[in-house]
């Protein structure tokens, strides 16, 4: 037994060959790389779960089309013309009267604006503040040389059941709130030369707040056109007091959206213009309105001169 032990102890160890050393080192490197990859994967999984805890995954929501606000509130009985209509005197030739047609409630449909701009006629475009296409439409209208107006939302009698939309001036506002909101509205649409009210059957009857509104318009050298959504409006005396260039709507052209009605309203607008030398019609961005205006443009041009809204405003005496 002792001899065997001595023999084993004295047995020389085999020296590792160069080839086996390289193989061992390669295996160690592969094993190390595998461990590193596993650690990276584990770290990534942990980081992902931590982020999910901080930011819960929200369900994918399909984008909705921009909601178009309600355009106007029309009274049950049509607001009568503010100008008396005398009977025409036969046989006396006179110059063609001026007619300004304002397209209200602009800002939510670029295509209909391009259609109106494509007609061989002058229109004025009144743009709602904070509407999705307000700036691009204002640039297009301005580049054509047409008037840009701000269609200023004001509180109607039906508020809050009917909301005039973003940027509305409300009778509950303090003087500072009212002026701050008005300044923001005026700054929101570029190239504006004037303002007309969107709704406003209540606000346009409160003289103290109208004085504040017209004082801002006076400083900014803007004109005002009263959409006359109520017979109780006090816009004219307010504009007169502050010497703001002013005019009033004579006819809503399309509050009933049928071709026959719109034709009748256009002829009524021509009649008022013939009686007083000028008139203002307000229309809206409806396809039927566009179709009838395109149809009646040759007749309109024979009986009146289509002008910008700025051409029919005056300092009230």
C-alpha atoms as a PDB file:
ATOM      1  CA  UNK A   1       0.000   0.000   0.000  1.00  0.00           C
ATOM      2  CA  UNK A   2       2.823   2.367   0.854  1.00  0.00           C
ATOM      3  CA  UNK A   3       4.552   1.772  -2.438  1.00  0.00           C
ATOM      4  CA  UNK A   4       1.355   2.610  -4.331  1.00  0.00           C
ATOM      5  CA  UNK A   5       0.969   5.850  -2.448  1.00  0.00           C
ATOM      6  CA  UNK A   6       4.531   6.852  -3.147  1.00  0.00           C
ATOM      7  CA  UNK A   7       4.068   6.007  -6.803  1.00  0.00           C
ATOM      8  CA  UNK A   8       0.964   8.167  -7.063  1.00  0.00           C
ATOM      9  CA  UNK A   9       2.658  11.070  -5.357  1.00  0.00           C
ATOM     10  CA  UNK A  10       5.614  10.874  -7.655  1.00  0.00           C
ATOM     11  CA  UNK A  11       3.483  10.573 -10.787  1.00  0.00           C
ATOM     12  CA  UNK A  12       4.232  13.703 -12.882  1.00  0.00           C
ATOM     13  CA  UNK A  13       1.248  15.986 -13.660  1.00  0.00           C
ATOM     14  CA  UNK A  14       0.349  16.558 -17.254  1.00  0.00           C
ATOM     15  CA  UNK A  15       1.010  20.087 -18.442  1.00  0.00           C
ATOM     16  CA  UNK A  16      -1.997  21.718 -20.166  1.00  0.00           C
ATOM     17  CA  UNK A  17      -1.497  22.139 -23.840  1.00  0.00           C
ATOM     18  CA  UNK A  18      -1.825  25.485 -25.583  1.00  0.00           C
ATOM     19  CA  UNK A  19      -4.912  24.288 -27.401  1.00  0.00           C
ATOM     20  CA  UNK A  20      -6.753  23.212 -24.235  1.00  0.00           C
ATOM     21  CA  UNK A  21      -5.894  26.547 -22.538  1.00  0.00           C
ATOM     22  CA  UNK A  22      -7.412  28.516 -25.392  1.00  0.00           C
ATOM     23  CA  UNK A  23     -10.514  26.334 -25.281  1.00  0.00           C
ATOM     24  CA  UNK A  24     -10.911  26.884 -21.535  1.00  0.00           C
ATOM     25  CA  UNK A  25     -10.492  30.647 -21.869  1.00  0.00           C
ATOM     26  CA  UNK A  26     -13.045  30.732 -24.687  1.00  0.00           C
ATOM     27  CA  UNK A  27     -15.568  28.810 -22.614  1.00  0.00           C
ATOM     28  CA  UNK A  28     -15.053  31.185 -19.701  1.00  0.00           C
ATOM     29  CA  UNK A  29     -15.521  34.191 -21.978  1.00  0.00           C
ATOM     30  CA  UNK A  30     -18.722  32.759 -23.454  1.00  0.00           C
ATOM     31  CA  UNK A  31     -20.037  31.977 -19.989  1.00  0.00           C
ATOM     32  CA  UNK A  32     -19.200  35.469 -18.793  1.00  0.00           C
ATOM     33  CA  UNK A  33     -20.876  37.027 -21.828  1.00  0.00           C
ATOM     34  CA  UNK A  34     -23.973  34.903 -21.234  1.00  0.00           C
ATOM     35  CA  UNK A  35     -24.166  36.038 -17.622  1.00  0.00           C
ATOM     36  CA  UNK A  36     -23.766  39.669 -18.714  1.00  0.00           C
ATOM     37  CA  UNK A  37     -26.598  39.329 -21.262  1.00  0.00           C
ATOM     38  CA  UNK A  38     -28.871  37.753 -18.631  1.00  0.00           C
ATOM     39  CA  UNK A  39     -28.106  40.605 -16.204  1.00  0.00           C
ATOM     40  CA  UNK A  40     -28.868  43.198 -18.897  1.00  0.00           C
ATOM     41  CA  UNK A  41     -32.192  41.494 -19.683  1.00  0.00           C
ATOM     42  CA  UNK A  42     -33.131  41.356 -15.994  1.00  0.00           C
ATOM     43  CA  UNK A  43     -32.211  45.030 -15.541  1.00  0.00           C
ATOM     44  CA  UNK A  44     -34.306  45.976 -18.596  1.00  0.00           C
ATOM     45  CA  UNK A  45     -37.340  44.046 -17.303  1.00  0.00           C
ATOM     46  CA  UNK A  46     -37.039  45.677 -13.883  1.00  0.00           C
ATOM     47  CA  UNK A  47     -36.705  49.168 -15.417  1.00  0.00           C
ATOM     48  CA  UNK A  48     -39.713  48.542 -17.656  1.00  0.00           C
ATOM     49  CA  UNK A  49     -41.882  47.536 -14.681  1.00  0.00           C
ATOM     50  CA  UNK A  50     -40.719  50.525 -12.677  1.00  0.00           C
ATOM     51  CA  UNK A  51     -41.631  52.872 -15.528  1.00  0.00           C
ATOM     52  CA  UNK A  52     -45.031  51.243 -15.907  1.00  0.00           C
ATOM     53  CA  UNK A  53     -45.701  51.934 -12.248  1.00  0.00           C
ATOM     54  CA  UNK A  54     -44.864  55.601 -12.724  1.00  0.00           C
ATOM     55  CA  UNK A  55     -46.638  55.941 -16.079  1.00  0.00           C
ATOM     56  CA  UNK A  56     -49.639  53.688 -16.401  1.00  0.00           C
ATOM     57  CA  UNK A  57     -50.357  52.658 -19.954  1.00  0.00           C
ATOM     58  CA  UNK A  58     -53.234  54.710 -21.359  1.00  0.00           C
ATOM     59  CA  UNK A  59     -55.669  53.146 -23.800  1.00  0.00           C
ATOM     60  CA  UNK A  60     -55.266  54.155 -27.423  1.00  0.00           C
ATOM     61  CA  UNK A  61     -57.947  56.682 -28.315  1.00  0.00           C
ATOM     62  CA  UNK A  62     -58.702  57.467 -31.920  1.00  0.00           C
ATOM     63  CA  UNK A  63     -58.534  61.209 -32.668  1.00  0.00           C
ATOM     64  CA  UNK A  64     -61.933  62.803 -32.920  1.00  0.00           C
ATOM     65  CA  UNK A  65     -62.912  65.398 -35.464  1.00  0.00           C
ATOM     66  CA  UNK A  66     -62.927  68.954 -34.122  1.00  0.00           C
ATOM     67  CA  UNK A  67     -66.376  69.789 -32.843  1.00  0.00           C
ATOM     68  CA  UNK A  68     -67.921  72.684 -34.727  1.00  0.00           C
ATOM     69  CA  UNK A  69     -69.734  74.998 -32.314  1.00  0.00           C
ATOM     70  CA  UNK A  70     -73.259  76.216 -32.742  1.00  0.00           C
ATOM     71  CA  UNK A  71     -73.182  79.090 -35.193  1.00  0.00           C
ATOM     72  CA  UNK A  72     -75.869  81.536 -34.138  1.00  0.00           C
ATOM     73  CA  UNK A  73     -79.063  81.855 -32.138  1.00  0.00           C
ATOM     74  CA  UNK A  74     -81.772  83.388 -34.261  1.00  0.00           C
ATOM     75  CA  UNK A  75     -84.792  84.991 -32.571  1.00  0.00           C
ATOM     76  CA  UNK A  76     -88.207  83.484 -33.205  1.00  0.00           C
ATOM     77  CA  UNK A  77     -89.207  86.712 -34.954  1.00  0.00           C
ATOM     78  CA  UNK A  78     -86.666  88.174 -37.346  1.00  0.00           C
ATOM     79  CA  UNK A  79     -85.035  91.369 -36.108  1.00  0.00           C
ATOM     80  CA  UNK A  80     -86.417  94.105 -38.381  1.00  0.00           C
ATOM     81  CA  UNK A  81     -84.047  96.312 -40.403  1.00  0.00           C
ATOM     82  CA  UNK A  82     -82.630  99.221 -38.421  1.00  0.00           C
ATOM     83  CA  UNK A  83     -83.046 101.493 -41.466  1.00  0.00           C
ATOM     84  CA  UNK A  84     -86.412 102.570 -42.813  1.00  0.00           C
ATOM     85  CA  UNK A  85     -86.921 101.460 -46.404  1.00  0.00           C
ATOM     86  CA  UNK A  86     -88.438 104.312 -48.441  1.00  0.00           C
ATOM     87  CA  UNK A  87     -90.196 103.655 -51.700  1.00  0.00           C
ATOM     88  CA  UNK A  88     -87.876 104.112 -54.687  1.00  0.00           C
ATOM     89  CA  UNK A  89     -88.412 107.206 -56.791  1.00  0.00           C
ATOM     90  CA  UNK A  90     -88.877 106.144 -60.424  1.00  0.00           C
ATOM     91  CA  UNK A  91     -86.921 107.691 -63.272  1.00  0.00           C
ATOM     92  CA  UNK A  92     -84.013 109.061 -61.233  1.00  0.00           C
ATOM     93  CA  UNK A  93     -80.732 107.373 -62.153  1.00  0.00           C
ATOM     94  CA  UNK A  94     -78.245 106.902 -59.348  1.00  0.00           C
ATOM     95  CA  UNK A  95     -74.943 105.235 -58.633  1.00  0.00           C
ATOM     96  CA  UNK A  96     -74.832 101.581 -57.748  1.00  0.00           C
ATOM     97  CA  UNK A  97     -75.111 101.040 -53.980  1.00  0.00           C
ATOM     98  CA  UNK A  98     -72.470  99.305 -51.886  1.00  0.00           C
ATOM     99  CA  UNK A  99     -73.010  95.881 -50.361  1.00  0.00           C
ATOM    100  CA  UNK A 100     -70.691  94.187 -47.875  1.00  0.00           C
ATOM    101  CA  UNK A 101     -71.223  90.483 -47.230  1.00  0.00           C
ATOM    102  CA  UNK A 102     -69.613  89.099 -44.078  1.00  0.00           C
ATOM    103  CA  UNK A 103     -69.082  85.361 -43.759  1.00  0.00           C
ATOM    104  CA  UNK A 104     -69.347  84.639 -40.023  1.00  0.00           C
ATOM    105  CA  UNK A 105     -68.238  81.701 -37.874  1.00  0.00           C
ATOM    106  CA  UNK A 106     -65.051  81.048 -39.819  1.00  0.00           C
ATOM    107  CA  UNK A 107     -62.244  78.902 -38.424  1.00  0.00           C
ATOM    108  CA  UNK A 108     -63.473  75.311 -38.442  1.00  0.00           C
ATOM    109  CA  UNK A 109     -63.575  74.522 -42.162  1.00  0.00           C
ATOM    110  CA  UNK A 110     -60.733  75.548 -44.470  1.00  0.00           C
ATOM    111  CA  UNK A 111     -62.300  74.036 -47.596  1.00  0.00           C
ATOM    112  CA  UNK A 112     -65.448  76.178 -47.546  1.00  0.00           C
ATOM    113  CA  UNK A 113     -63.287  79.297 -47.085  1.00  0.00           C
ATOM    114  CA  UNK A 114     -61.253  78.369 -50.150  1.00  0.00           C
ATOM    115  CA  UNK A 115     -64.499  77.974 -52.098  1.00  0.00           C
ATOM    116  CA  UNK A 116     -65.670  81.468 -51.143  1.00  0.00           C
ATOM    117  CA  UNK A 117     -62.219  82.893 -51.899  1.00  0.00           C
ATOM    118  CA  UNK A 118     -62.420  81.266 -55.326  1.00  0.00           C
ATOM    119  CA  UNK A 119     -65.490  83.297 -56.304  1.00  0.00           C
ATOM    120  CA  UNK A 120     -64.940  86.459 -58.300  1.00  0.00           C
ATOM    121  CA  UNK A 121     -66.257  88.697 -55.547  1.00  0.00           C
ATOM    122  CA  UNK A 122     -65.255  90.581 -52.415  1.00  0.00           C
ATOM    123  CA  UNK A 123     -66.238  89.055 -49.081  1.00  0.00           C
ATOM    124  CA  UNK A 124     -65.255  89.788 -45.499  1.00  0.00           C
ATOM    125  CA  UNK A 125     -64.404  86.857 -43.230  1.00  0.00           C
ATOM    126  CA  UNK A 126     -65.126  86.979 -39.501  1.00  0.00           C
ATOM    127  CA  UNK A 127     -63.086  84.382 -37.597  1.00  0.00           C
ATOM    128  CA  UNK A 128     -63.938  82.814 -34.241  1.00  0.00           C
ATOM    129  CA  UNK A 129     -61.109  83.025 -31.672  1.00  0.00           C
ATOM    130  CA  UNK A 130     -59.327  79.792 -30.735  1.00  0.00           C
ATOM    131  CA  UNK A 131     -60.782  77.934 -33.716  1.00  0.00           C
ATOM    132  CA  UNK A 132     -58.454  75.242 -35.139  1.00  0.00           C
ATOM    133  CA  UNK A 133     -57.635  76.946 -38.454  1.00  0.00           C
ATOM    134  CA  UNK A 134     -57.904  80.599 -37.417  1.00  0.00           C
ATOM    135  CA  UNK A 135     -54.333  81.615 -38.234  1.00  0.00           C
ATOM    136  CA  UNK A 136     -53.995  79.805 -41.576  1.00  0.00           C
ATOM    137  CA  UNK A 137     -57.397  81.079 -42.742  1.00  0.00           C
ATOM    138  CA  UNK A 138     -56.564  84.627 -41.638  1.00  0.00           C
ATOM    139  CA  UNK A 139     -53.338  84.460 -43.660  1.00  0.00           C
ATOM    140  CA  UNK A 140     -55.183  83.190 -46.753  1.00  0.00           C
ATOM    141  CA  UNK A 141     -57.868  85.878 -46.517  1.00  0.00           C
ATOM    142  CA  UNK A 142     -55.319  88.633 -45.873  1.00  0.00           C
ATOM    143  CA  UNK A 143     -53.155  87.496 -48.797  1.00  0.00           C
ATOM    144  CA  UNK A 144     -56.181  87.936 -51.088  1.00  0.00           C
ATOM    145  CA  UNK A 145     -56.578  91.524 -49.907  1.00  0.00           C
ATOM    146  CA  UNK A 146     -59.873  90.923 -48.086  1.00  0.00           C
ATOM    147  CA  UNK A 147     -60.865  92.171 -44.626  1.00  0.00           C
ATOM    148  CA  UNK A 148     -60.294  89.878 -41.653  1.00  0.00           C
ATOM    149  CA  UNK A 149     -62.582  90.376 -38.658  1.00  0.00           C
ATOM    150  CA  UNK A 150     -62.779  88.827 -35.206  1.00  0.00           C
ATOM    151  CA  UNK A 151     -66.133  87.150 -34.571  1.00  0.00           C
ATOM    152  CA  UNK A 152     -66.222  87.981 -30.872  1.00  0.00           C
ATOM    153  CA  UNK A 153     -68.238  85.565 -28.691  1.00  0.00           C
ATOM    154  CA  UNK A 154     -70.600  87.379 -26.324  1.00  0.00           C
ATOM    155  CA  UNK A 155     -73.117  86.136 -23.811  1.00  0.00           C
ATOM    156  CA  UNK A 156     -76.609  85.436 -25.206  1.00  0.00           C
ATOM    157  CA  UNK A 157     -79.848  85.500 -23.220  1.00  0.00           C
ATOM    158  CA  UNK A 158     -79.870  81.709 -23.421  1.00  0.00           C
ATOM    159  CA  UNK A 159     -76.555  81.331 -21.519  1.00  0.00           C
ATOM    160  CA  UNK A 160     -75.544  78.921 -19.953  1.00  0.00           C
ATOM    161  CA  UNK A 161     -77.888  76.598 -21.844  1.00  0.00           C
ATOM    162  CA  UNK A 162     -76.214  77.913 -24.993  1.00  0.00           C
ATOM    163  CA  UNK A 163     -72.487  78.582 -24.783  1.00  0.00           C
ATOM    164  CA  UNK A 164     -71.040  81.072 -27.298  1.00  0.00           C
ATOM    165  CA  UNK A 165     -67.717  79.230 -27.228  1.00  0.00           C
ATOM    166  CA  UNK A 166     -64.097  79.822 -26.194  1.00  0.00           C
ATOM    167  CA  UNK A 167     -63.168  83.391 -25.347  1.00  0.00           C
ATOM    168  CA  UNK A 168     -66.728  84.499 -24.600  1.00  0.00           C
ATOM    169  CA  UNK A 169     -67.320  87.822 -22.871  1.00  0.00           C
ATOM    170  CA  UNK A 170     -69.809  87.340 -20.034  1.00  0.00           C
ATOM    171  CA  UNK A 171     -71.866  89.894 -18.104  1.00  0.00           C
ATOM    172  CA  UNK A 172     -70.676  88.293 -14.839  1.00  0.00           C
ATOM    173  CA  UNK A 173     -67.058  89.343 -15.517  1.00  0.00           C
ATOM    174  CA  UNK A 174     -65.378  92.115 -13.570  1.00  0.00           C
ATOM    175  CA  UNK A 175     -63.960  95.033 -15.595  1.00  0.00           C
ATOM    176  CA  UNK A 176     -60.438  93.557 -15.382  1.00  0.00           C
ATOM    177  CA  UNK A 177     -61.631  90.081 -16.394  1.00  0.00           C
ATOM    178  CA  UNK A 178     -63.603  91.487 -19.316  1.00  0.00           C
ATOM    179  CA  UNK A 179     -60.747  93.595 -20.690  1.00  0.00           C
ATOM    180  CA  UNK A 180     -58.165  90.826 -20.192  1.00  0.00           C
ATOM    181  CA  UNK A 181     -60.351  88.314 -22.032  1.00  0.00           C
ATOM    182  CA  UNK A 182     -61.066  90.803 -24.818  1.00  0.00           C
ATOM    183  CA  UNK A 183     -57.340  91.520 -25.254  1.00  0.00           C
ATOM    184  CA  UNK A 184     -56.586  87.799 -25.497  1.00  0.00           C
ATOM    185  CA  UNK A 185     -59.367  87.331 -28.064  1.00  0.00           C
ATOM    186  CA  UNK A 186     -58.145  90.228 -30.183  1.00  0.00           C
ATOM    187  CA  UNK A 187     -54.569  88.938 -30.079  1.00  0.00           C
ATOM    188  CA  UNK A 188     -55.576  85.398 -31.062  1.00  0.00           C
ATOM    189  CA  UNK A 189     -56.465  86.151 -34.705  1.00  0.00           C
ATOM    190  CA  UNK A 190     -53.892  87.939 -36.906  1.00  0.00           C
ATOM    191  CA  UNK A 191     -54.615  90.739 -39.394  1.00  0.00           C
ATOM    192  CA  UNK A 192     -57.996  91.744 -37.915  1.00  0.00           C
ATOM    193  CA  UNK A 193     -59.332  95.137 -38.933  1.00  0.00           C
ATOM    194  CA  UNK A 194     -62.621  95.004 -37.100  1.00  0.00           C
ATOM    195  CA  UNK A 195     -64.960  93.039 -34.841  1.00  0.00           C
ATOM    196  CA  UNK A 196     -68.548  91.832 -34.883  1.00  0.00           C
ATOM    197  CA  UNK A 197     -70.407  90.006 -32.149  1.00  0.00           C
ATOM    198  CA  UNK A 198     -71.040  86.274 -32.115  1.00  0.00           C
ATOM    199  CA  UNK A 199     -74.417  85.839 -30.364  1.00  0.00           C
ATOM    200  CA  UNK A 200     -74.438  88.499 -27.605  1.00  0.00           C
ATOM    201  CA  UNK A 201     -78.163  89.169 -27.236  1.00  0.00           C
ATOM    202  CA  UNK A 202     -77.529  89.826 -23.502  1.00  0.00           C
ATOM    203  CA  UNK A 203     -74.067  91.414 -23.543  1.00  0.00           C
ATOM    204  CA  UNK A 204     -74.978  93.947 -26.239  1.00  0.00           C
ATOM    205  CA  UNK A 205     -77.691  95.381 -23.963  1.00  0.00           C
ATOM    206  CA  UNK A 206     -75.340  96.218 -21.047  1.00  0.00           C
ATOM    207  CA  UNK A 207     -74.016  99.716 -21.676  1.00  0.00           C
ATOM    208  CA  UNK A 208     -71.322  99.784 -18.953  1.00  0.00           C
ATOM    209  CA  UNK A 209     -69.589  96.724 -20.347  1.00  0.00           C
ATOM    210  CA  UNK A 210     -70.020  97.900 -23.921  1.00  0.00           C
ATOM    211  CA  UNK A 211     -68.185 101.098 -22.980  1.00  0.00           C
ATOM    212  CA  UNK A 212     -65.266  98.990 -21.755  1.00  0.00           C
ATOM    213  CA  UNK A 213     -65.282  96.916 -24.955  1.00  0.00           C
ATOM    214  CA  UNK A 214     -65.450  99.928 -27.251  1.00  0.00           C
ATOM    215  CA  UNK A 215     -62.698 101.734 -25.325  1.00  0.00           C
ATOM    216  CA  UNK A 216     -60.351  98.823 -26.159  1.00  0.00           C
ATOM    217  CA  UNK A 217     -61.445  98.828 -29.815  1.00  0.00           C
ATOM    218  CA  UNK A 218     -60.844 102.583 -29.923  1.00  0.00           C
ATOM    219  CA  UNK A 219     -57.260 102.166 -28.649  1.00  0.00           C
ATOM    220  CA  UNK A 220     -56.582  99.434 -31.209  1.00  0.00           C
ATOM    221  CA  UNK A 221     -58.173 101.442 -34.057  1.00  0.00           C
ATOM    222  CA  UNK A 222     -60.644  98.686 -34.904  1.00  0.00           C
ATOM    223  CA  UNK A 223     -64.158  99.113 -36.277  1.00  0.00           C
ATOM    224  CA  UNK A 224     -67.245  97.341 -34.944  1.00  0.00           C
ATOM    225  CA  UNK A 225     -70.229  95.898 -36.794  1.00  0.00           C
ATOM    226  CA  UNK A 226     -73.265  95.016 -34.717  1.00  0.00           C
ATOM    227  CA  UNK A 227     -74.703  91.654 -35.752  1.00  0.00           C
ATOM    228  CA  UNK A 228     -77.998  92.830 -34.184  1.00  0.00           C
ATOM    229  CA  UNK A 229     -79.045  89.616 -32.477  1.00  0.00           C
ATOM    230  CA  UNK A 230     -81.558  91.666 -30.456  1.00  0.00           C
ATOM    231  CA  UNK A 231     -83.599  94.814 -31.005  1.00  0.00           C
ATOM    232  CA  UNK A 232     -82.476  95.982 -27.542  1.00  0.00           C
ATOM    233  CA  UNK A 233     -78.848  96.378 -28.631  1.00  0.00           C
ATOM    234  CA  UNK A 234     -76.961  99.417 -27.312  1.00  0.00           C
ATOM    235  CA  UNK A 235     -73.910  99.058 -29.547  1.00  0.00           C
ATOM    236  CA  UNK A 236     -74.653 102.125 -31.664  1.00  0.00           C
ATOM    237  CA  UNK A 237     -74.795 104.697 -28.829  1.00  0.00           C
ATOM    238  CA  UNK A 238     -71.706 103.106 -27.253  1.00  0.00           C
ATOM    239  CA  UNK A 239     -69.781 103.388 -30.527  1.00  0.00           C
ATOM    240  CA  UNK A 240     -71.063 106.917 -30.984  1.00  0.00           C
ATOM    241  CA  UNK A 241     -69.910 107.952 -27.501  1.00  0.00           C
ATOM    242  CA  UNK A 242     -66.402 106.578 -28.050  1.00  0.00           C
ATOM    243  CA  UNK A 243     -66.203 107.528 -31.740  1.00  0.00           C
ATOM    244  CA  UNK A 244     -65.534 104.003 -32.985  1.00  0.00           C
ATOM    245  CA  UNK A 245     -66.175 103.364 -36.712  1.00  0.00           C
ATOM    246  CA  UNK A 246     -69.475 101.485 -36.732  1.00  0.00           C
ATOM    247  CA  UNK A 247     -72.154  99.798 -38.822  1.00  0.00           C
ATOM    248  CA  UNK A 248     -75.026  97.387 -38.301  1.00  0.00           C
ATOM    249  CA  UNK A 249     -76.136  94.200 -39.993  1.00  0.00           C
ATOM    250  CA  UNK A 250     -79.143  94.677 -42.276  1.00  0.00           C
ATOM    251  CA  UNK A 251     -79.965  91.100 -43.267  1.00  0.00           C
ATOM    252  CA  UNK A 252     -79.072  87.587 -42.151  1.00  0.00           C
ATOM    253  CA  UNK A 253     -78.886  85.743 -45.452  1.00  0.00           C
ATOM    254  CA  UNK A 254     -79.096  82.098 -44.464  1.00  0.00           C
ATOM    255  CA  UNK A 255     -80.649  81.485 -41.048  1.00  0.00           C
ATOM    256  CA  UNK A 256     -83.033  79.243 -42.953  1.00  0.00           C
ATOM    257  CA  UNK A 257     -80.832  77.040 -45.106  1.00  0.00           C
ATOM    258  CA  UNK A 258     -82.857  76.601 -48.251  1.00  0.00           C
ATOM    259  CA  UNK A 259     -81.929  78.013 -51.670  1.00  0.00           C
ATOM    260  CA  UNK A 260     -85.242  79.861 -52.115  1.00  0.00           C
ATOM    261  CA  UNK A 261     -84.990  81.582 -48.738  1.00  0.00           C
ATOM    262  CA  UNK A 262     -81.372  82.656 -49.321  1.00  0.00           C
ATOM    263  CA  UNK A 263     -82.313  84.041 -52.754  1.00  0.00           C
ATOM    264  CA  UNK A 264     -85.142  86.036 -51.139  1.00  0.00           C
ATOM    265  CA  UNK A 265     -82.774  87.441 -48.489  1.00  0.00           C
ATOM    266  CA  UNK A 266     -80.202  88.478 -51.104  1.00  0.00           C
ATOM    267  CA  UNK A 267     -82.867  90.358 -53.051  1.00  0.00           C
ATOM    268  CA  UNK A 268     -83.982  91.987 -49.805  1.00  0.00           C
ATOM    269  CA  UNK A 269     -80.380  93.053 -49.169  1.00  0.00           C
ATOM    270  CA  UNK A 270     -80.204  94.622 -52.654  1.00  0.00           C
ATOM    271  CA  UNK A 271     -83.462  96.485 -51.988  1.00  0.00           C
ATOM    272  CA  UNK A 272     -82.152  97.941 -48.710  1.00  0.00           C
ATOM    273  CA  UNK A 273     -78.885  98.936 -50.387  1.00  0.00           C
ATOM    274  CA  UNK A 274     -80.789 100.703 -53.176  1.00  0.00           C
ATOM    275  CA  UNK A 275     -82.805 102.636 -50.594  1.00  0.00           C
ATOM    276  CA  UNK A 276     -79.859 103.755 -48.441  1.00  0.00           C
ATOM    277  CA  UNK A 277     -76.820 103.580 -50.693  1.00  0.00           C
ATOM    278  CA  UNK A 278     -75.233 100.689 -48.779  1.00  0.00           C
ATOM    279  CA  UNK A 279     -76.125  97.577 -46.811  1.00  0.00           C
ATOM    280  CA  UNK A 280     -74.522  94.726 -44.881  1.00  0.00           C
ATOM    281  CA  UNK A 281     -75.484  91.083 -45.151  1.00  0.00           C
ATOM    282  CA  UNK A 282     -74.223  88.339 -42.855  1.00  0.00           C
ATOM    283  CA  UNK A 283     -73.902  84.776 -44.110  1.00  0.00           C
ATOM    284  CA  UNK A 284     -72.384  81.587 -42.746  1.00  0.00           C
ATOM    285  CA  UNK A 285     -70.050  78.909 -44.121  1.00  0.00           C
ATOM    286  CA  UNK A 286     -72.724  76.603 -45.531  1.00  0.00           C
ATOM    287  CA  UNK A 287     -72.505  74.863 -48.884  1.00  0.00           C
ATOM    288  CA  UNK A 288     -76.026  75.995 -49.799  1.00  0.00           C
ATOM    289  CA  UNK A 289     -75.026  79.624 -49.115  1.00  0.00           C
ATOM    290  CA  UNK A 290     -71.998  79.255 -51.350  1.00  0.00           C
ATOM    291  CA  UNK A 291     -74.092  77.687 -54.133  1.00  0.00           C
ATOM    292  CA  UNK A 292     -76.720  80.469 -54.101  1.00  0.00           C
ATOM    293  CA  UNK A 293     -74.147  83.271 -53.940  1.00  0.00           C
ATOM    294  CA  UNK A 294     -72.282  81.765 -56.876  1.00  0.00           C
ATOM    295  CA  UNK A 295     -75.571  81.568 -58.789  1.00  0.00           C
ATOM    296  CA  UNK A 296     -76.638  85.162 -58.024  1.00  0.00           C
ATOM    297  CA  UNK A 297     -73.251  86.876 -58.332  1.00  0.00           C
ATOM    298  CA  UNK A 298     -73.872  88.111 -61.915  1.00  0.00           C
ATOM    299  CA  UNK A 299     -77.139  89.736 -60.783  1.00  0.00           C
ATOM    300  CA  UNK A 300     -75.556  91.138 -57.624  1.00  0.00           C
ATOM    301  CA  UNK A 301     -72.756  92.776 -59.605  1.00  0.00           C
ATOM    302  CA  UNK A 302     -75.234  94.435 -61.948  1.00  0.00           C
ATOM    303  CA  UNK A 303     -77.238  95.933 -59.085  1.00  0.00           C
ATOM    304  CA  UNK A 304     -74.561  96.734 -56.483  1.00  0.00           C
ATOM    305  CA  UNK A 305     -70.834  97.066 -55.853  1.00  0.00           C
ATOM    306  CA  UNK A 306     -69.496  94.397 -53.515  1.00  0.00           C
ATOM    307  CA  UNK A 307     -67.097  96.009 -51.029  1.00  0.00           C
ATOM    308  CA  UNK A 308     -65.120  95.231 -47.880  1.00  0.00           C
ATOM    309  CA  UNK A 309     -66.814  95.661 -44.509  1.00  0.00           C
ATOM    310  CA  UNK A 310     -64.345  98.443 -43.725  1.00  0.00           C
ATOM    311  CA  UNK A 311     -65.826 100.423 -46.640  1.00  0.00           C
ATOM    312  CA  UNK A 312     -69.263 100.719 -44.993  1.00  0.00           C
ATOM    313  CA  UNK A 313     -68.373 101.662 -41.412  1.00  0.00           C
ATOM    314  CA  UNK A 314     -68.646 105.256 -40.236  1.00  0.00           C
ATOM    315  CA  UNK A 315     -68.227 107.339 -37.129  1.00  0.00           C
ATOM    316  CA  UNK A 316     -71.808 107.647 -35.879  1.00  0.00           C
ATOM    317  CA  UNK A 317     -73.045 111.214 -35.626  1.00  0.00           C
END
